[in-house]
Amino acid sequence: MHPIMLHIVFPSIMPALFFTVAAIPVEMIGCRTRGLLALAVAFVSMLAGIAAAVMAVRGKAKDDPESSWWVMTALILAVPGVALLVLA
């Protein structure tokens, strides 16, 4: 699989999902449900971001050229967590 698909496109689904949930009107699914969904998406994204950061650190230690892709993945996956802190 191409690195752009694996490290850019697939992780970008989490921020897109987070902002989609945040943009849903409260009257449609309720305030509590919307908040819990946003919290769950941000939590899963942050866990995956931490795993990607660990992979990046391991790759940097071994001088792996693919480690910069893992850094990008970690940064993309951190967006929902940061947005949750900013929007809350």
C-alpha atoms as a PDB file:
ATOM      1  CA  MET A   1       0.000   0.000   0.000  1.00  0.00           C
ATOM      2  CA  HIS A   2       1.262   3.482  -0.800  1.00  0.00           C
ATOM      3  CA  PRO A   3       2.578   5.456   2.230  1.00  0.00           C
ATOM      4  CA  ILE A   4       0.323   8.434   1.478  1.00  0.00           C
ATOM      5  CA  MET A   5      -2.770   6.258   1.765  1.00  0.00           C
ATOM      6  CA  LEU A   6      -1.542   4.532   4.919  1.00  0.00           C
ATOM      7  CA  HIS A   7      -0.165   7.557   6.772  1.00  0.00           C
ATOM      8  CA  ILE A   8      -2.214  10.513   5.482  1.00  0.00           C
ATOM      9  CA  VAL A   9      -5.577   9.457   4.044  1.00  0.00           C
ATOM     10  CA  PHE A  10      -6.602   6.762   6.537  1.00  0.00           C
ATOM     11  CA  PRO A  11      -5.685   8.773   9.671  1.00  0.00           C
ATOM     12  CA  SER A  12      -7.520  11.795   8.211  1.00  0.00           C
ATOM     13  CA  ILE A  13     -10.761   9.882   8.665  1.00  0.00           C
ATOM     14  CA  MET A  14     -10.656  10.465  12.438  1.00  0.00           C
ATOM     15  CA  PRO A  15     -10.537  14.299  12.317  1.00  0.00           C
ATOM     16  CA  ALA A  16     -13.193  14.274   9.593  1.00  0.00           C
ATOM     17  CA  LEU A  17     -15.406  12.035  11.744  1.00  0.00           C
ATOM     18  CA  PHE A  18     -14.844  14.233  14.801  1.00  0.00           C
ATOM     19  CA  PHE A  19     -15.785  17.448  13.014  1.00  0.00           C
ATOM     20  CA  THR A  20     -18.783  15.737  11.409  1.00  0.00           C
ATOM     21  CA  VAL A  21     -20.057  14.709  14.845  1.00  0.00           C
ATOM     22  CA  ALA A  22     -19.393  18.216  16.170  1.00  0.00           C
ATOM     23  CA  ALA A  23     -21.323  19.748  13.281  1.00  0.00           C
ATOM     24  CA  ILE A  24     -24.433  17.614  13.788  1.00  0.00           C
ATOM     25  CA  PRO A  25     -27.266  19.734  15.190  1.00  0.00           C
ATOM     26  CA  VAL A  26     -28.137  19.068  18.843  1.00  0.00           C
ATOM     27  CA  GLU A  27     -31.784  18.580  17.930  1.00  0.00           C
ATOM     28  CA  MET A  28     -30.883  15.652  15.703  1.00  0.00           C
ATOM     29  CA  ILE A  29     -29.193  13.252  18.158  1.00  0.00           C
ATOM     30  CA  GLY A  30     -29.218  15.067  21.469  1.00  0.00           C
ATOM     31  CA  CYS A  31     -26.554  16.932  23.358  1.00  0.00           C
ATOM     32  CA  ARG A  32     -25.354  14.036  25.509  1.00  0.00           C
ATOM     33  CA  THR A  33     -25.118  11.585  22.619  1.00  0.00           C
ATOM     34  CA  ARG A  34     -23.259  14.078  20.470  1.00  0.00           C
ATOM     35  CA  GLY A  35     -20.808  14.828  23.268  1.00  0.00           C
ATOM     36  CA  LEU A  36     -20.190  11.178  24.032  1.00  0.00           C
ATOM     37  CA  LEU A  37     -19.609  10.403  20.360  1.00  0.00           C
ATOM     38  CA  ALA A  38     -17.148  13.278  20.051  1.00  0.00           C
ATOM     39  CA  LEU A  39     -15.384  12.158  23.220  1.00  0.00           C
ATOM     40  CA  ALA A  40     -15.151   8.557  21.982  1.00  0.00           C
ATOM     41  CA  VAL A  41     -13.760   9.595  18.588  1.00  0.00           C
ATOM     42  CA  ALA A  42     -11.198  11.895  20.234  1.00  0.00           C
ATOM     43  CA  PHE A  43     -10.180   9.193  22.722  1.00  0.00           C
ATOM     44  CA  VAL A  44      -9.667   6.515  20.064  1.00  0.00           C
ATOM     45  CA  SER A  45      -7.809   8.995  17.885  1.00  0.00           C
ATOM     46  CA  MET A  46      -5.487  10.006  20.718  1.00  0.00           C
ATOM     47  CA  LEU A  47      -4.729   6.358  21.532  1.00  0.00           C
ATOM     48  CA  ALA A  48      -3.884   5.704  17.899  1.00  0.00           C
ATOM     49  CA  GLY A  49      -1.807   8.896  17.845  1.00  0.00           C
ATOM     50  CA  ILE A  50       0.197   7.738  20.847  1.00  0.00           C
ATOM     51  CA  ALA A  51       0.819   4.398  19.134  1.00  0.00           C
ATOM     52  CA  ALA A  52       1.945   6.212  15.972  1.00  0.00           C
ATOM     53  CA  ALA A  53       4.261   8.430  18.025  1.00  0.00           C
ATOM     54  CA  VAL A  54       5.826   5.347  19.618  1.00  0.00           C
ATOM     55  CA  MET A  55       6.365   3.885  16.148  1.00  0.00           C
ATOM     56  CA  ALA A  56       7.980   7.166  15.062  1.00  0.00           C
ATOM     57  CA  VAL A  57      10.338   7.193  18.043  1.00  0.00           C
ATOM     58  CA  ARG A  58      11.311   3.573  17.440  1.00  0.00           C
ATOM     59  CA  GLY A  59      11.919   4.364  13.771  1.00  0.00           C
ATOM     60  CA  LYS A  60      14.036   7.418  14.585  1.00  0.00           C
ATOM     61  CA  ALA A  61      16.146   5.313  16.942  1.00  0.00           C
ATOM     62  CA  LYS A  62      16.812   2.831  14.129  1.00  0.00           C
ATOM     63  CA  ASP A  63      17.299   5.578  11.472  1.00  0.00           C
ATOM     64  CA  ASP A  64      14.309   4.280   9.548  1.00  0.00           C
ATOM     65  CA  PRO A  65      13.369   6.636   6.686  1.00  0.00           C
ATOM     66  CA  GLU A  66       9.694   5.764   7.169  1.00  0.00           C
ATOM     67  CA  SER A  67       9.647   7.281  10.668  1.00  0.00           C
ATOM     68  CA  SER A  68       8.779  10.727   9.290  1.00  0.00           C
ATOM     69  CA  TRP A  69       5.566   9.222   7.906  1.00  0.00           C
ATOM     70  CA  TRP A  70       4.698   8.017  11.415  1.00  0.00           C
ATOM     71  CA  VAL A  71       5.276  11.537  12.760  1.00  0.00           C
ATOM     72  CA  MET A  72       2.750  12.874  10.233  1.00  0.00           C
ATOM     73  CA  THR A  73       0.302  10.159  11.226  1.00  0.00           C
ATOM     74  CA  ALA A  74       0.655  11.065  14.910  1.00  0.00           C
ATOM     75  CA  LEU A  75       0.100  14.755  14.182  1.00  0.00           C
ATOM     76  CA  ILE A  76      -3.022  14.064  12.136  1.00  0.00           C
ATOM     77  CA  LEU A  77      -4.429  11.782  14.824  1.00  0.00           C
ATOM     78  CA  ALA A  78      -3.803  14.431  17.511  1.00  0.00           C
ATOM     79  CA  VAL A  79      -6.177  16.911  15.841  1.00  0.00           C
ATOM     80  CA  PRO A  80      -9.441  15.589  17.402  1.00  0.00           C
ATOM     81  CA  GLY A  81      -7.987  15.632  20.913  1.00  0.00           C
ATOM     82  CA  VAL A  82      -6.732  19.190  20.539  1.00  0.00           C
ATOM     83  CA  ALA A  83     -10.013  20.273  18.953  1.00  0.00           C
ATOM     84  CA  LEU A  84     -11.950  18.713  21.832  1.00  0.00           C
ATOM     85  CA  LEU A  85      -9.920  20.768  24.312  1.00  0.00           C
ATOM     86  CA  VAL A  86     -10.409  23.949  22.278  1.00  0.00           C
ATOM     87  CA  LEU A  87     -14.140  23.453  21.659  1.00  0.00           C
ATOM     88  CA  ALA A  88     -15.021  22.306  25.179  1.00  0.00           C
END
